[in-house]
Amino acid sequence: MSKLQSSGAISIADIRNQFGGSYQMSQYYRGGTNAAYVHSYGSGHNTNVPTSGAIGLGSFYNTHRGWHLVCGQQNLGSFARNYGYSNGQVVGSFGSISPNNYRGATIAAMYRVRTNFKGNISYSQVIYMQGYLPRNWFNRYTDGSFTLYTSNASWFRNTGTGLTSWIWGAGYVNSTSPYSNGATISPQTYQ
């Protein structure tokens, strides 16, 4: 789902379709990283939505649903380290993410990999979702200073696990930052 529009008519149904929940406006206050529906995951995101007081439909222009990630870490010896979230389907469980789905697909993992091979360090970004999803299930992933497009990712549907993966390798990601405990990430889609 794309961001909500920047102008024109906007309805409670539009807000509900973007964020989930019911038709009660009181559910849609921006509550920081632990918000039930509307997250404030980094500077400049959803900041027009109030945290309390009067709330109107116009507060939701350009808003979108993203994820709050509490970064975990998994060390695979000196060779590789994973930073982010996994529910254990792909690699061992670490970190947490809320919400844990996107457009009806459960997120199995969303993490950054640091690999050290013979002293050469490289990085990659990995996203796994449950189901056999098309490459354009989302178009763009944004995390801090990184904006990654699915057209540049290695994309694979695994019939054994029932997961679809998007992986960006060397040249697209050059560090494990900005991941840290309490970090937030915001995949965005423009369909």
C-alpha atoms as a PDB file:
ATOM      1  CA  MET A   1       0.000   0.000   0.000  1.00  0.00           C
ATOM      2  CA  SER A   2       1.259   3.451  -0.860  1.00  0.00           C
ATOM      3  CA  LYS A   3       1.333   6.510   1.336  1.00  0.00           C
ATOM      4  CA  LEU A   4      -1.991   8.207   1.809  1.00  0.00           C
ATOM      5  CA  GLN A   5      -2.523  11.068  -0.623  1.00  0.00           C
ATOM      6  CA  SER A   6      -1.089  14.532  -0.063  1.00  0.00           C
ATOM      7  CA  SER A   7      -4.291  16.452  -0.872  1.00  0.00           C
ATOM      8  CA  GLY A   8      -7.952  16.041  -1.762  1.00  0.00           C
ATOM      9  CA  ALA A   9     -10.619  13.920  -0.117  1.00  0.00           C
ATOM     10  CA  ILE A  10      -9.470  11.503   2.557  1.00  0.00           C
ATOM     11  CA  SER A  11     -11.770   9.208   4.522  1.00  0.00           C
ATOM     12  CA  ILE A  12     -11.678   7.149   7.693  1.00  0.00           C
ATOM     13  CA  ALA A  13     -11.830   4.092   5.396  1.00  0.00           C
ATOM     14  CA  ASP A  14      -8.566   5.253   3.742  1.00  0.00           C
ATOM     15  CA  ILE A  15      -6.943   5.549   7.172  1.00  0.00           C
ATOM     16  CA  ARG A  16      -8.257   2.160   8.278  1.00  0.00           C
ATOM     17  CA  ASN A  17      -6.984   0.512   5.061  1.00  0.00           C
ATOM     18  CA  GLN A  18      -3.534   2.020   5.610  1.00  0.00           C
ATOM     19  CA  PHE A  19      -3.120   1.356   9.337  1.00  0.00           C
ATOM     20  CA  GLY A  20      -5.612  -1.358  10.284  1.00  0.00           C
ATOM     21  CA  GLY A  21      -7.837  -0.929  13.302  1.00  0.00           C
ATOM     22  CA  SER A  22     -11.483   0.085  13.286  1.00  0.00           C
ATOM     23  CA  TYR A  23     -13.392   3.223  12.425  1.00  0.00           C
ATOM     24  CA  GLN A  24     -12.673   4.931  15.775  1.00  0.00           C
ATOM     25  CA  MET A  25     -10.378   7.929  15.354  1.00  0.00           C
ATOM     26  CA  SER A  26      -9.104   7.500  18.920  1.00  0.00           C
ATOM     27  CA  GLN A  27      -7.136   4.438  17.742  1.00  0.00           C
ATOM     28  CA  TYR A  28      -5.064   6.516  15.372  1.00  0.00           C
ATOM     29  CA  TYR A  29      -3.128   8.828  17.649  1.00  0.00           C
ATOM     30  CA  ARG A  30       0.572   8.753  16.908  1.00  0.00           C
ATOM     31  CA  GLY A  31       1.974   6.929  19.891  1.00  0.00           C
ATOM     32  CA  GLY A  32       5.669   6.685  19.220  1.00  0.00           C
ATOM     33  CA  THR A  33       7.382   3.421  18.512  1.00  0.00           C
ATOM     34  CA  ASN A  34       4.925   1.407  20.607  1.00  0.00           C
ATOM     35  CA  ALA A  35       1.810   2.772  18.913  1.00  0.00           C
ATOM     36  CA  ALA A  36      -0.813   0.190  18.080  1.00  0.00           C
ATOM     37  CA  TYR A  37      -1.335   1.555  14.566  1.00  0.00           C
ATOM     38  CA  VAL A  38       0.357   4.876  13.763  1.00  0.00           C
ATOM     39  CA  HIS A  39       4.087   4.751  14.395  1.00  0.00           C
ATOM     40  CA  SER A  40       6.540   7.613  14.551  1.00  0.00           C
ATOM     41  CA  TYR A  41       9.537   5.754  13.239  1.00  0.00           C
ATOM     42  CA  GLY A  42      12.125   8.408  12.684  1.00  0.00           C
ATOM     43  CA  SER A  43      12.298  12.101  11.976  1.00  0.00           C
ATOM     44  CA  GLY A  44       9.711  13.423   9.561  1.00  0.00           C
ATOM     45  CA  HIS A  45       7.404  10.387   9.495  1.00  0.00           C
ATOM     46  CA  ASN A  46       3.721  10.762  10.389  1.00  0.00           C
ATOM     47  CA  THR A  47       4.529  13.850  12.475  1.00  0.00           C
ATOM     48  CA  ASN A  48       1.278  15.630  11.496  1.00  0.00           C
ATOM     49  CA  VAL A  49      -0.719  13.008  13.382  1.00  0.00           C
ATOM     50  CA  PRO A  50      -1.230  14.225  16.970  1.00  0.00           C
ATOM     51  CA  THR A  51      -0.377  12.151  20.028  1.00  0.00           C
ATOM     52  CA  SER A  52      -3.435  13.463  21.900  1.00  0.00           C
ATOM     53  CA  GLY A  53      -6.209  16.056  21.661  1.00  0.00           C
ATOM     54  CA  ALA A  54      -8.103  16.970  18.502  1.00  0.00           C
ATOM     55  CA  ILE A  55      -7.509  14.626  15.588  1.00  0.00           C
ATOM     56  CA  GLY A  56      -8.890  15.117  12.088  1.00  0.00           C
ATOM     57  CA  LEU A  57      -8.744  13.396   8.732  1.00  0.00           C
ATOM     58  CA  GLY A  58      -6.432  16.089   7.347  1.00  0.00           C
ATOM     59  CA  SER A  59      -3.751  15.033   9.840  1.00  0.00           C
ATOM     60  CA  PHE A  60      -3.219  11.857   7.788  1.00  0.00           C
ATOM     61  CA  TYR A  61      -2.031  13.334   4.492  1.00  0.00           C
ATOM     62  CA  ASN A  62       1.237  11.619   3.400  1.00  0.00           C
ATOM     63  CA  THR A  63       1.151   9.135   6.274  1.00  0.00           C
ATOM     64  CA  HIS A  64       2.054   5.478   5.947  1.00  0.00           C
ATOM     65  CA  ARG A  65       2.478   2.376   8.021  1.00  0.00           C
ATOM     66  CA  GLY A  66       6.004   1.318   8.821  1.00  0.00           C
ATOM     67  CA  TRP A  67       7.707  -0.934  11.342  1.00  0.00           C
ATOM     68  CA  HIS A  68       9.284  -0.531  14.716  1.00  0.00           C
ATOM     69  CA  LEU A  69      12.257  -2.829  15.056  1.00  0.00           C
ATOM     70  CA  VAL A  70      14.131  -3.649  18.231  1.00  0.00           C
ATOM     71  CA  CYS A  71      17.420  -4.848  16.886  1.00  0.00           C
ATOM     72  CA  GLY A  72      18.720  -8.239  17.857  1.00  0.00           C
ATOM     73  CA  GLN A  73      22.028  -9.760  16.885  1.00  0.00           C
ATOM     74  CA  GLN A  74      23.127 -13.230  15.895  1.00  0.00           C
ATOM     75  CA  ASN A  75      26.827 -14.046  15.624  1.00  0.00           C
ATOM     76  CA  LEU A  76      27.853 -16.891  13.356  1.00  0.00           C
ATOM     77  CA  GLY A  77      31.434 -17.067  14.585  1.00  0.00           C
ATOM     78  CA  SER A  78      33.840 -14.518  13.119  1.00  0.00           C
ATOM     79  CA  PHE A  79      32.441 -15.068   9.619  1.00  0.00           C
ATOM     80  CA  ALA A  80      29.009 -13.381   9.768  1.00  0.00           C
ATOM     81  CA  ARG A  81      26.796 -11.326  12.059  1.00  0.00           C
ATOM     82  CA  ASN A  82      23.118 -10.597  11.561  1.00  0.00           C
ATOM     83  CA  TYR A  83      21.541  -7.413  12.949  1.00  0.00           C
ATOM     84  CA  GLY A  84      17.789  -6.867  13.044  1.00  0.00           C
ATOM     85  CA  TYR A  85      14.904  -9.313  13.295  1.00  0.00           C
ATOM     86  CA  SER A  86      14.202 -12.973  12.545  1.00  0.00           C
ATOM     87  CA  ASN A  87      11.329 -15.146  13.754  1.00  0.00           C
ATOM     88  CA  GLY A  88      13.487 -18.272  13.406  1.00  0.00           C
ATOM     89  CA  GLN A  89      12.224 -19.487  10.037  1.00  0.00           C
ATOM     90  CA  VAL A  90      15.327 -18.419   8.119  1.00  0.00           C
ATOM     91  CA  VAL A  91      18.020 -18.235  10.775  1.00  0.00           C
ATOM     92  CA  GLY A  92      17.765 -18.363  14.577  1.00  0.00           C
ATOM     93  CA  SER A  93      15.348 -15.966  16.277  1.00  0.00           C
ATOM     94  CA  PHE A  94      16.572 -12.524  17.299  1.00  0.00           C
ATOM     95  CA  GLY A  95      15.141  -9.028  17.747  1.00  0.00           C
ATOM     96  CA  SER A  96      11.500  -8.042  17.481  1.00  0.00           C
ATOM     97  CA  ILE A  97       9.320  -6.173  15.030  1.00  0.00           C
ATOM     98  CA  SER A  98       5.893  -4.576  15.224  1.00  0.00           C
ATOM     99  CA  PRO A  99       3.689  -4.994  13.322  1.00  0.00           C
ATOM    100  CA  ASN A 100       4.886  -8.374  12.051  1.00  0.00           C
ATOM    101  CA  ASN A 101       3.063  -8.311   8.718  1.00  0.00           C
ATOM    102  CA  TYR A 102       2.793  -6.276   5.569  1.00  0.00           C
ATOM    103  CA  ARG A 103      -0.288  -6.378   3.335  1.00  0.00           C
ATOM    104  CA  GLY A 104      -1.241  -9.738   4.837  1.00  0.00           C
ATOM    105  CA  ALA A 105       2.219 -11.326   4.530  1.00  0.00           C
ATOM    106  CA  THR A 106       4.012 -12.247   7.760  1.00  0.00           C
ATOM    107  CA  ILE A 107       7.533 -10.834   7.968  1.00  0.00           C
ATOM    108  CA  ALA A 108       9.825 -13.753   8.764  1.00  0.00           C
ATOM    109  CA  ALA A 109      13.017 -11.692   8.843  1.00  0.00           C
ATOM    110  CA  MET A 110      14.303  -8.184   8.201  1.00  0.00           C
ATOM    111  CA  TYR A 111      17.967  -7.832   8.973  1.00  0.00           C
ATOM    112  CA  ARG A 112      21.366  -6.573   7.880  1.00  0.00           C
ATOM    113  CA  VAL A 113      24.253  -9.024   7.412  1.00  0.00           C
ATOM    114  CA  ARG A 114      27.923  -8.252   8.022  1.00  0.00           C
ATOM    115  CA  THR A 115      30.206 -10.811   6.375  1.00  0.00           C
ATOM    116  CA  ASN A 116      33.957 -11.123   6.875  1.00  0.00           C
ATOM    117  CA  PHE A 117      35.581 -13.313   4.221  1.00  0.00           C
ATOM    118  CA  LYS A 118      39.371 -13.455   4.355  1.00  0.00           C
ATOM    119  CA  GLY A 119      39.507  -9.990   5.876  1.00  0.00           C
ATOM    120  CA  ASN A 120      37.147  -8.440   3.322  1.00  0.00           C
ATOM    121  CA  ILE A 121      34.030  -7.083   5.007  1.00  0.00           C
ATOM    122  CA  SER A 122      30.783  -6.739   3.057  1.00  0.00           C
ATOM    123  CA  TYR A 123      27.173  -5.977   3.948  1.00  0.00           C
ATOM    124  CA  SER A 124      23.767  -6.979   2.671  1.00  0.00           C
ATOM    125  CA  GLN A 125      20.130  -6.274   3.518  1.00  0.00           C
ATOM    126  CA  VAL A 126      17.668  -9.171   3.728  1.00  0.00           C
ATOM    127  CA  ILE A 127      13.860  -9.251   3.866  1.00  0.00           C
ATOM    128  CA  TYR A 128      11.886 -12.519   4.023  1.00  0.00           C
ATOM    129  CA  MET A 129       8.083 -12.656   3.920  1.00  0.00           C
ATOM    130  CA  GLN A 130       5.741 -15.619   4.207  1.00  0.00           C
ATOM    131  CA  GLY A 131       4.154 -16.721   0.919  1.00  0.00           C
ATOM    132  CA  TYR A 132       4.947 -16.765  -2.792  1.00  0.00           C
ATOM    133  CA  LEU A 133       4.912 -13.031  -3.414  1.00  0.00           C
ATOM    134  CA  PRO A 134       5.690 -11.053  -6.570  1.00  0.00           C
ATOM    135  CA  ARG A 135       8.890  -9.026  -6.819  1.00  0.00           C
ATOM    136  CA  ASN A 136       6.863  -5.805  -6.609  1.00  0.00           C
ATOM    137  CA  TRP A 137       4.996  -6.747  -3.399  1.00  0.00           C
ATOM    138  CA  PHE A 138       6.705  -3.539  -2.301  1.00  0.00           C
ATOM    139  CA  ASN A 139       8.794  -1.229  -4.468  1.00  0.00           C
ATOM    140  CA  ARG A 140      11.074   0.566  -2.062  1.00  0.00           C
ATOM    141  CA  TYR A 141      12.610  -0.064   1.341  1.00  0.00           C
ATOM    142  CA  THR A 142      13.885   2.926   3.323  1.00  0.00           C
ATOM    143  CA  ASP A 143      15.955   2.652   6.489  1.00  0.00           C
ATOM    144  CA  GLY A 144      17.789   5.702   7.760  1.00  0.00           C
ATOM    145  CA  SER A 145      20.187   6.723   4.997  1.00  0.00           C
ATOM    146  CA  PHE A 146      19.501   3.636   2.847  1.00  0.00           C
ATOM    147  CA  THR A 147      16.846   3.549   0.133  1.00  0.00           C
ATOM    148  CA  LEU A 148      16.737   0.215  -1.668  1.00  0.00           C
ATOM    149  CA  TYR A 149      14.535  -0.684  -4.631  1.00  0.00           C
ATOM    150  CA  THR A 150      13.155  -4.177  -5.215  1.00  0.00           C
ATOM    151  CA  SER A 151      14.217  -3.930  -8.853  1.00  0.00           C
ATOM    152  CA  ASN A 152      17.841  -4.062  -7.605  1.00  0.00           C
ATOM    153  CA  ALA A 153      17.327  -6.943  -5.179  1.00  0.00           C
ATOM    154  CA  SER A 154      17.942 -10.617  -5.695  1.00  0.00           C
ATOM    155  CA  TRP A 155      14.423 -12.026  -5.491  1.00  0.00           C
ATOM    156  CA  PHE A 156      13.586 -15.652  -4.777  1.00  0.00           C
ATOM    157  CA  ARG A 157      10.541 -17.771  -3.903  1.00  0.00           C
ATOM    158  CA  ASN A 158      11.497 -20.808  -1.830  1.00  0.00           C
ATOM    159  CA  THR A 159       9.032 -23.668  -2.312  1.00  0.00           C
ATOM    160  CA  GLY A 160      10.574 -25.569   0.616  1.00  0.00           C
ATOM    161  CA  THR A 161      10.056 -22.854   3.235  1.00  0.00           C
ATOM    162  CA  GLY A 162       7.134 -21.011   1.633  1.00  0.00           C
ATOM    163  CA  LEU A 163       9.043 -17.721   1.876  1.00  0.00           C
ATOM    164  CA  THR A 164       9.841 -14.982  -0.610  1.00  0.00           C
ATOM    165  CA  SER A 165      13.137 -13.138  -0.183  1.00  0.00           C
ATOM    166  CA  TRP A 166      14.615  -9.853  -1.330  1.00  0.00           C
ATOM    167  CA  ILE A 167      18.367  -9.452  -0.811  1.00  0.00           C
ATOM    168  CA  TRP A 168      20.522  -6.441  -1.617  1.00  0.00           C
ATOM    169  CA  GLY A 169      24.248  -7.202  -1.643  1.00  0.00           C
ATOM    170  CA  ALA A 170      27.496  -5.310  -1.925  1.00  0.00           C
ATOM    171  CA  GLY A 171      27.184  -1.894  -3.505  1.00  0.00           C
ATOM    172  CA  TYR A 172      23.744  -1.201  -2.037  1.00  0.00           C
ATOM    173  CA  VAL A 173      24.479  -1.352   1.697  1.00  0.00           C
ATOM    174  CA  ASN A 174      27.805  -0.286   3.233  1.00  0.00           C
ATOM    175  CA  SER A 175      27.296  -0.771   6.973  1.00  0.00           C
ATOM    176  CA  THR A 176      25.071  -2.336   9.602  1.00  0.00           C
ATOM    177  CA  SER A 177      24.000   1.095  10.855  1.00  0.00           C
ATOM    178  CA  PRO A 178      21.565   2.681  11.552  1.00  0.00           C
ATOM    179  CA  TYR A 179      20.487  -0.540  13.267  1.00  0.00           C
ATOM    180  CA  SER A 180      20.644  -0.376  17.046  1.00  0.00           C
ATOM    181  CA  ASN A 181      18.301  -1.285  19.885  1.00  0.00           C
ATOM    182  CA  GLY A 182      15.209   0.852  19.525  1.00  0.00           C
ATOM    183  CA  ALA A 183      15.962   1.678  15.889  1.00  0.00           C
ATOM    184  CA  THR A 184      13.013   2.025  13.562  1.00  0.00           C
ATOM    185  CA  ILE A 185      12.691   1.232   9.897  1.00  0.00           C
ATOM    186  CA  SER A 186      10.144   2.305   7.326  1.00  0.00           C
ATOM    187  CA  PRO A 187       9.524   0.236   4.228  1.00  0.00           C
ATOM    188  CA  GLN A 188       7.482   2.318   1.832  1.00  0.00           C
ATOM    189  CA  THR A 189       5.492   1.160  -1.143  1.00  0.00           C
ATOM    190  CA  TYR A 190       4.301   3.017  -4.165  1.00  0.00           C
ATOM    191  CA  GLN A 191       2.024   0.631  -6.083  1.00  0.00           C
END
